[in-house]
């Protein structure tokens, strides 16, 4: 079981705004921010419902596509995540729906974040 995950982003302010909006339906919000400059253009931001579980920060951008899946308590939250992520500037990478090739009740939605990483919300329960 992971305790937390973090990765660098190419535009800290843009990604911070994207994740703040996209993760809000999942109950995630910015809980910790560390600025490394006077203009707040670089640093780290930790998101979570109760403590930081998901971190973004400045640094050398990743090469390739990262995949992060967030657990959603129900299918409505998966849909809300998808809509919020698109409204925040994310790009569609798979609308909300069943993915029975994973398993019978796998209900997920996929968006690409500002750096092209595949971000998902998923629920595994029957409707």
C-alpha atoms as a PDB file:
ATOM      1  CA  UNK A   1       0.000   0.000   0.000  1.00  0.00           C
ATOM      2  CA  UNK A   2       1.360   3.392  -0.956  1.00  0.00           C
ATOM      3  CA  UNK A   3       1.572   6.152   1.600  1.00  0.00           C
ATOM      4  CA  UNK A   4       1.950   8.945  -0.941  1.00  0.00           C
ATOM      5  CA  UNK A   5       3.143   9.715  -4.457  1.00  0.00           C
ATOM      6  CA  UNK A   6       4.676  12.791  -6.021  1.00  0.00           C
ATOM      7  CA  UNK A   7       6.131  13.902  -9.317  1.00  0.00           C
ATOM      8  CA  UNK A   8       7.449  17.043 -11.011  1.00  0.00           C
ATOM      9  CA  UNK A   9       5.327  19.138 -13.351  1.00  0.00           C
ATOM     10  CA  UNK A  10       6.351  21.555 -16.097  1.00  0.00           C
ATOM     11  CA  UNK A  11       4.200  24.486 -14.944  1.00  0.00           C
ATOM     12  CA  UNK A  12       3.657  24.409 -11.189  1.00  0.00           C
ATOM     13  CA  UNK A  13       0.951  27.115 -11.001  1.00  0.00           C
ATOM     14  CA  UNK A  14      -1.040  25.612 -13.902  1.00  0.00           C
ATOM     15  CA  UNK A  15      -0.835  22.075 -12.536  1.00  0.00           C
ATOM     16  CA  UNK A  16      -1.662  23.197  -9.001  1.00  0.00           C
ATOM     17  CA  UNK A  17      -4.837  24.897 -10.275  1.00  0.00           C
ATOM     18  CA  UNK A  18      -5.728  21.863 -12.421  1.00  0.00           C
ATOM     19  CA  UNK A  19      -5.399  19.359  -9.577  1.00  0.00           C
ATOM     20  CA  UNK A  20      -7.166  21.599  -7.065  1.00  0.00           C
ATOM     21  CA  UNK A  21     -10.234  21.662  -9.324  1.00  0.00           C
ATOM     22  CA  UNK A  22     -10.037  18.122 -10.707  1.00  0.00           C
ATOM     23  CA  UNK A  23      -9.574  16.412  -7.334  1.00  0.00           C
ATOM     24  CA  UNK A  24     -12.154  18.447  -5.400  1.00  0.00           C
ATOM     25  CA  UNK A  25     -15.010  15.978  -6.135  1.00  0.00           C
ATOM     26  CA  UNK A  26     -12.857  13.243  -4.556  1.00  0.00           C
ATOM     27  CA  UNK A  27     -12.491  15.290  -1.369  1.00  0.00           C
ATOM     28  CA  UNK A  28      -8.861  16.213  -2.106  1.00  0.00           C
ATOM     29  CA  UNK A  29      -7.647  19.740  -1.523  1.00  0.00           C
ATOM     30  CA  UNK A  30      -4.283  21.424  -1.109  1.00  0.00           C
ATOM     31  CA  UNK A  31      -3.208  20.759   2.462  1.00  0.00           C
ATOM     32  CA  UNK A  32       0.456  21.736   2.302  1.00  0.00           C
ATOM     33  CA  UNK A  33       2.396  24.149   0.120  1.00  0.00           C
ATOM     34  CA  UNK A  34       6.116  24.805   0.167  1.00  0.00           C
ATOM     35  CA  UNK A  35       7.395  27.702  -1.901  1.00  0.00           C
ATOM     36  CA  UNK A  36      10.973  27.683  -3.131  1.00  0.00           C
ATOM     37  CA  UNK A  37      10.894  31.244  -4.499  1.00  0.00           C
ATOM     38  CA  UNK A  38       9.442  34.641  -3.703  1.00  0.00           C
ATOM     39  CA  UNK A  39       7.040  34.489  -6.673  1.00  0.00           C
ATOM     40  CA  UNK A  40       5.563  31.063  -5.751  1.00  0.00           C
ATOM     41  CA  UNK A  41       6.347  29.750  -9.259  1.00  0.00           C
ATOM     42  CA  UNK A  42       8.202  26.774  -7.873  1.00  0.00           C
ATOM     43  CA  UNK A  43       7.786  24.532  -4.907  1.00  0.00           C
ATOM     44  CA  UNK A  44       5.621  21.633  -3.823  1.00  0.00           C
ATOM     45  CA  UNK A  45       1.920  21.158  -3.149  1.00  0.00           C
ATOM     46  CA  UNK A  46       0.438  18.230  -1.233  1.00  0.00           C
ATOM     47  CA  UNK A  47      -3.197  17.223  -1.812  1.00  0.00           C
ATOM     48  CA  UNK A  48      -5.427  14.947   0.221  1.00  0.00           C
ATOM     49  CA  UNK A  49      -8.644  14.624   2.170  1.00  0.00           C
ATOM     50  CA  UNK A  50      -6.994  14.552   5.600  1.00  0.00           C
ATOM     51  CA  UNK A  51      -3.225  14.616   4.979  1.00  0.00           C
ATOM     52  CA  UNK A  52      -1.146  14.947   1.808  1.00  0.00           C
ATOM     53  CA  UNK A  53      -1.228  11.706  -0.197  1.00  0.00           C
ATOM     54  CA  UNK A  54      -0.595  13.217  -3.636  1.00  0.00           C
ATOM     55  CA  UNK A  55       2.217  15.684  -4.339  1.00  0.00           C
ATOM     56  CA  UNK A  56       3.271  17.756  -7.329  1.00  0.00           C
ATOM     57  CA  UNK A  57       6.291  19.987  -7.546  1.00  0.00           C
ATOM     58  CA  UNK A  58       8.807  21.701  -9.706  1.00  0.00           C
ATOM     59  CA  UNK A  59      11.757  19.850 -11.076  1.00  0.00           C
ATOM     60  CA  UNK A  60      12.941  18.121 -14.194  1.00  0.00           C
ATOM     61  CA  UNK A  61       9.814  16.986 -16.097  1.00  0.00           C
ATOM     62  CA  UNK A  62       9.181  13.278 -16.437  1.00  0.00           C
ATOM     63  CA  UNK A  63       9.673  11.619 -19.777  1.00  0.00           C
ATOM     64  CA  UNK A  64       6.752   9.418 -20.748  1.00  0.00           C
ATOM     65  CA  UNK A  65       3.252   9.173 -19.362  1.00  0.00           C
ATOM     66  CA  UNK A  66       2.530   8.547 -15.700  1.00  0.00           C
ATOM     67  CA  UNK A  67      -0.731   6.884 -14.641  1.00  0.00           C
ATOM     68  CA  UNK A  68      -2.366   7.716 -11.290  1.00  0.00           C
ATOM     69  CA  UNK A  69      -5.755   6.287 -10.272  1.00  0.00           C
ATOM     70  CA  UNK A  70      -7.762   7.783  -7.412  1.00  0.00           C
ATOM     71  CA  UNK A  71     -10.370   5.681  -5.596  1.00  0.00           C
ATOM     72  CA  UNK A  72     -13.857   7.154  -5.760  1.00  0.00           C
ATOM     73  CA  UNK A  73     -16.586   6.128  -3.301  1.00  0.00           C
ATOM     74  CA  UNK A  74     -19.219   5.772  -6.036  1.00  0.00           C
ATOM     75  CA  UNK A  75     -19.836   6.196  -9.758  1.00  0.00           C
ATOM     76  CA  UNK A  76     -21.316   9.669  -9.369  1.00  0.00           C
ATOM     77  CA  UNK A  77     -18.006  10.883  -7.937  1.00  0.00           C
ATOM     78  CA  UNK A  78     -16.149   9.317 -10.893  1.00  0.00           C
ATOM     79  CA  UNK A  79     -18.374  11.346 -13.214  1.00  0.00           C
ATOM     80  CA  UNK A  80     -17.931  14.505 -11.105  1.00  0.00           C
ATOM     81  CA  UNK A  81     -14.145  14.071 -11.212  1.00  0.00           C
ATOM     82  CA  UNK A  82     -14.233  13.720 -14.997  1.00  0.00           C
ATOM     83  CA  UNK A  83     -16.343  16.857 -15.481  1.00  0.00           C
ATOM     84  CA  UNK A  84     -14.234  18.886 -13.033  1.00  0.00           C
ATOM     85  CA  UNK A  85     -10.992  17.741 -14.681  1.00  0.00           C
ATOM     86  CA  UNK A  86     -12.247  18.705 -18.149  1.00  0.00           C
ATOM     87  CA  UNK A  87     -13.435  22.077 -16.831  1.00  0.00           C
ATOM     88  CA  UNK A  88      -9.963  22.586 -15.328  1.00  0.00           C
ATOM     89  CA  UNK A  89      -8.333  22.105 -18.732  1.00  0.00           C
ATOM     90  CA  UNK A  90      -7.778  18.354 -18.727  1.00  0.00           C
ATOM     91  CA  UNK A  91      -8.193  16.410 -21.953  1.00  0.00           C
ATOM     92  CA  UNK A  92     -10.474  13.414 -22.335  1.00  0.00           C
ATOM     93  CA  UNK A  93      -8.686  10.062 -22.265  1.00  0.00           C
ATOM     94  CA  UNK A  94     -11.746   7.871 -21.647  1.00  0.00           C
ATOM     95  CA  UNK A  95     -15.157   9.039 -20.438  1.00  0.00           C
ATOM     96  CA  UNK A  96     -16.857   7.597 -17.351  1.00  0.00           C
ATOM     97  CA  UNK A  97     -18.010   4.058 -17.892  1.00  0.00           C
ATOM     98  CA  UNK A  98     -17.594   0.385 -17.189  1.00  0.00           C
ATOM     99  CA  UNK A  99     -14.325  -1.256 -18.189  1.00  0.00           C
ATOM    100  CA  UNK A 100     -15.314  -4.954 -18.011  1.00  0.00           C
ATOM    101  CA  UNK A 101     -11.997  -6.023 -19.536  1.00  0.00           C
ATOM    102  CA  UNK A 102     -10.497  -5.154 -16.113  1.00  0.00           C
ATOM    103  CA  UNK A 103     -13.359  -6.688 -14.116  1.00  0.00           C
ATOM    104  CA  UNK A 104     -17.158  -6.699 -14.081  1.00  0.00           C
ATOM    105  CA  UNK A 105     -17.656  -3.616 -11.872  1.00  0.00           C
ATOM    106  CA  UNK A 106     -14.630  -1.520 -12.888  1.00  0.00           C
ATOM    107  CA  UNK A 107     -16.076   1.965 -13.453  1.00  0.00           C
ATOM    108  CA  UNK A 108     -13.509   4.583 -14.355  1.00  0.00           C
ATOM    109  CA  UNK A 109     -12.877   7.872 -16.111  1.00  0.00           C
ATOM    110  CA  UNK A 110      -9.565   9.047 -17.547  1.00  0.00           C
ATOM    111  CA  UNK A 111      -8.189  12.513 -18.291  1.00  0.00           C
ATOM    112  CA  UNK A 112      -4.811  13.820 -19.361  1.00  0.00           C
ATOM    113  CA  UNK A 113      -3.383  16.463 -17.043  1.00  0.00           C
ATOM    114  CA  UNK A 114      -1.514  19.554 -18.327  1.00  0.00           C
ATOM    115  CA  UNK A 115       1.652  17.453 -18.791  1.00  0.00           C
ATOM    116  CA  UNK A 116      -0.168  14.602 -20.558  1.00  0.00           C
ATOM    117  CA  UNK A 117      -0.234  12.222 -17.584  1.00  0.00           C
ATOM    118  CA  UNK A 118      -3.166   9.807 -17.422  1.00  0.00           C
ATOM    119  CA  UNK A 119      -5.201  10.623 -14.314  1.00  0.00           C
ATOM    120  CA  UNK A 120      -8.117   8.367 -13.384  1.00  0.00           C
ATOM    121  CA  UNK A 121     -10.913   8.121 -10.873  1.00  0.00           C
ATOM    122  CA  UNK A 122     -12.219   4.597 -10.352  1.00  0.00           C
ATOM    123  CA  UNK A 123     -14.896   2.764  -8.402  1.00  0.00           C
ATOM    124  CA  UNK A 124     -14.978  -1.027  -8.097  1.00  0.00           C
ATOM    125  CA  UNK A 125     -18.410  -1.536  -6.525  1.00  0.00           C
ATOM    126  CA  UNK A 126     -21.588  -2.711  -8.240  1.00  0.00           C
ATOM    127  CA  UNK A 127     -23.964   0.163  -8.927  1.00  0.00           C
END
